[in-house]
């Protein structure tokens, strides 16, 4: 039964963090961030939030990560007031590498098609 609750909490966190980033966080470093996934522990104490950006430069990615780390306190406070949990989870942000991986695979397939023609 706890699995269902963790799944619901995960979806709520994803939706609320996207909303908080869009409406409450004024930092320009986190302007184009999209939350792609959330992993939460079974006891709902820790959440890892995966995000993606359109920036491909390493320096821009680093700035985005620092901006998110700086906004973590505000985001956690907002989550605590928006979610009906006993305790708001500790959150950490990680960049979602699956988008880059998908782009790399797409480029390899495109090159294969070009070589066949």
Protein backbone atom coordinates (compact mmCIF):
# COMPACT_ATOMS: atom_id res chain seq x y z
CA UNK A 1 0.00 0.00 0.00
CA UNK A 2 2.89 2.37 0.66
CA UNK A 3 3.97 1.96 -2.97
CA UNK A 4 0.80 3.63 -4.17
CA UNK A 5 1.29 6.52 -1.80
CA UNK A 6 4.93 6.98 -2.83
CA UNK A 7 3.82 7.06 -6.47
CA UNK A 8 1.19 9.70 -5.78
CA UNK A 9 3.60 11.80 -3.72
CA UNK A 10 6.17 11.52 -6.51
CA UNK A 11 3.70 12.88 -9.07
CA UNK A 12 2.62 15.67 -6.73
CA UNK A 13 6.22 16.70 -6.08
CA UNK A 14 6.97 16.78 -9.81
CA UNK A 15 3.93 18.93 -10.57
CA UNK A 16 4.46 21.29 -7.65
CA UNK A 17 8.20 21.79 -8.24
CA UNK A 18 7.52 22.64 -11.90
CA UNK A 19 4.96 25.19 -10.72
CA UNK A 20 7.26 26.61 -8.03
CA UNK A 21 10.13 27.01 -10.51
CA UNK A 22 7.85 28.77 -12.98
CA UNK A 23 6.09 31.11 -10.57
CA UNK A 24 8.10 31.59 -7.36
CA UNK A 25 11.80 31.26 -8.18
CA UNK A 26 13.05 34.45 -9.79
CA UNK A 27 16.63 33.26 -10.42
CA UNK A 28 17.43 33.56 -14.16
CA UNK A 29 19.71 30.52 -13.92
CA UNK A 30 16.72 28.22 -13.45
CA UNK A 31 14.42 29.84 -15.99
CA UNK A 32 14.29 27.05 -18.59
CA UNK A 33 14.41 24.06 -16.24
CA UNK A 34 11.94 21.23 -16.72
CA UNK A 35 11.44 18.56 -14.08
CA UNK A 36 11.51 15.17 -15.83
CA UNK A 37 11.32 12.69 -12.95
CA UNK A 38 11.33 12.33 -9.19
CA UNK A 39 12.67 9.41 -7.16
CA UNK A 40 11.48 9.21 -3.58
CA UNK A 41 12.44 6.84 -0.80
CA UNK A 42 9.85 4.52 0.69
CA UNK A 43 9.64 6.51 3.91
CA UNK A 44 9.08 9.76 1.92
CA UNK A 45 12.02 11.46 3.64
CA UNK A 46 14.34 12.00 0.64
CA UNK A 47 13.52 12.98 -2.92
CA UNK A 48 15.89 13.17 -5.88
CA UNK A 49 14.53 15.50 -8.54
CA UNK A 50 15.78 15.03 -12.09
CA UNK A 51 15.72 18.02 -14.41
CA UNK A 52 16.62 18.86 -17.99
CA UNK A 53 17.57 22.05 -19.78
CA UNK A 54 18.07 23.03 -23.38
CA UNK A 55 21.58 24.36 -22.71
CA UNK A 56 24.37 22.19 -24.04
CA UNK A 57 27.24 24.24 -22.64
CA UNK A 58 28.89 22.79 -19.54
CA UNK A 59 29.24 26.25 -17.97
CA UNK A 60 25.51 26.92 -18.38
CA UNK A 61 24.67 23.51 -16.89
CA UNK A 62 26.87 24.27 -13.91
CA UNK A 63 25.15 27.63 -13.40
CA UNK A 64 21.77 25.94 -13.54
CA UNK A 65 22.84 23.36 -10.95
CA UNK A 66 24.09 26.11 -8.63
CA UNK A 67 20.86 28.06 -9.09
CA UNK A 68 18.79 25.02 -8.18
CA UNK A 69 20.95 24.30 -5.14
CA UNK A 70 20.47 27.88 -4.00
CA UNK A 71 16.69 27.64 -4.44
CA UNK A 72 16.41 24.28 -2.62
CA UNK A 73 15.33 25.87 0.67
CA UNK A 74 12.55 27.91 -0.93
CA UNK A 75 11.35 24.91 -2.95
CA UNK A 76 11.29 22.65 0.12
CA UNK A 77 9.41 25.27 2.14
CA UNK A 78 6.83 25.69 -0.63
CA UNK A 79 6.46 21.92 -0.96
CA UNK A 80 5.83 21.68 2.76
CA UNK A 81 2.99 24.17 2.56
CA UNK A 82 1.46 22.69 -0.61
CA UNK A 83 1.65 18.97 0.20
CA UNK A 84 -0.16 17.33 3.08
CA UNK A 85 2.79 15.40 4.45
CA UNK A 86 3.95 15.08 8.03
CA UNK A 87 7.41 16.23 7.00
CA UNK A 88 8.55 17.66 3.68
CA UNK A 89 11.27 15.53 2.08
CA UNK A 90 14.92 16.55 1.78
CA UNK A 91 15.43 17.31 -1.89
CA UNK A 92 18.44 17.06 -4.16
CA UNK A 93 18.65 17.97 -7.82
CA UNK A 94 20.36 15.87 -10.49
CA UNK A 95 20.60 16.55 -14.18
CA UNK A 96 18.68 14.06 -16.33
CA UNK A 97 21.19 12.57 -18.77
CA UNK A 98 18.58 10.60 -20.73
CA UNK A 99 17.85 13.56 -23.04
CA UNK A 100 21.52 13.80 -24.03
CA UNK A 101 21.66 10.03 -24.50
CA UNK A 102 18.59 10.13 -26.74
CA UNK A 103 20.10 12.93 -28.84
CA UNK A 104 23.31 10.95 -29.23
CA UNK A 105 21.44 7.84 -30.39
CA UNK A 106 19.37 9.91 -32.82
CA UNK A 107 22.52 11.42 -34.31
CA UNK A 108 24.11 7.98 -34.72
CA UNK A 109 21.02 6.69 -36.52
CA UNK A 110 21.01 9.75 -38.77
CA UNK A 111 24.67 9.15 -39.67
CA UNK A 112 23.91 5.51 -40.49
CA UNK A 113 21.13 6.57 -42.86
CA UNK A 114 23.44 9.10 -44.54
CA UNK A 115 26.12 6.42 -45.06
CA UNK A 116 23.61 4.01 -46.64
CA UNK A 117 22.49 6.52 -49.23
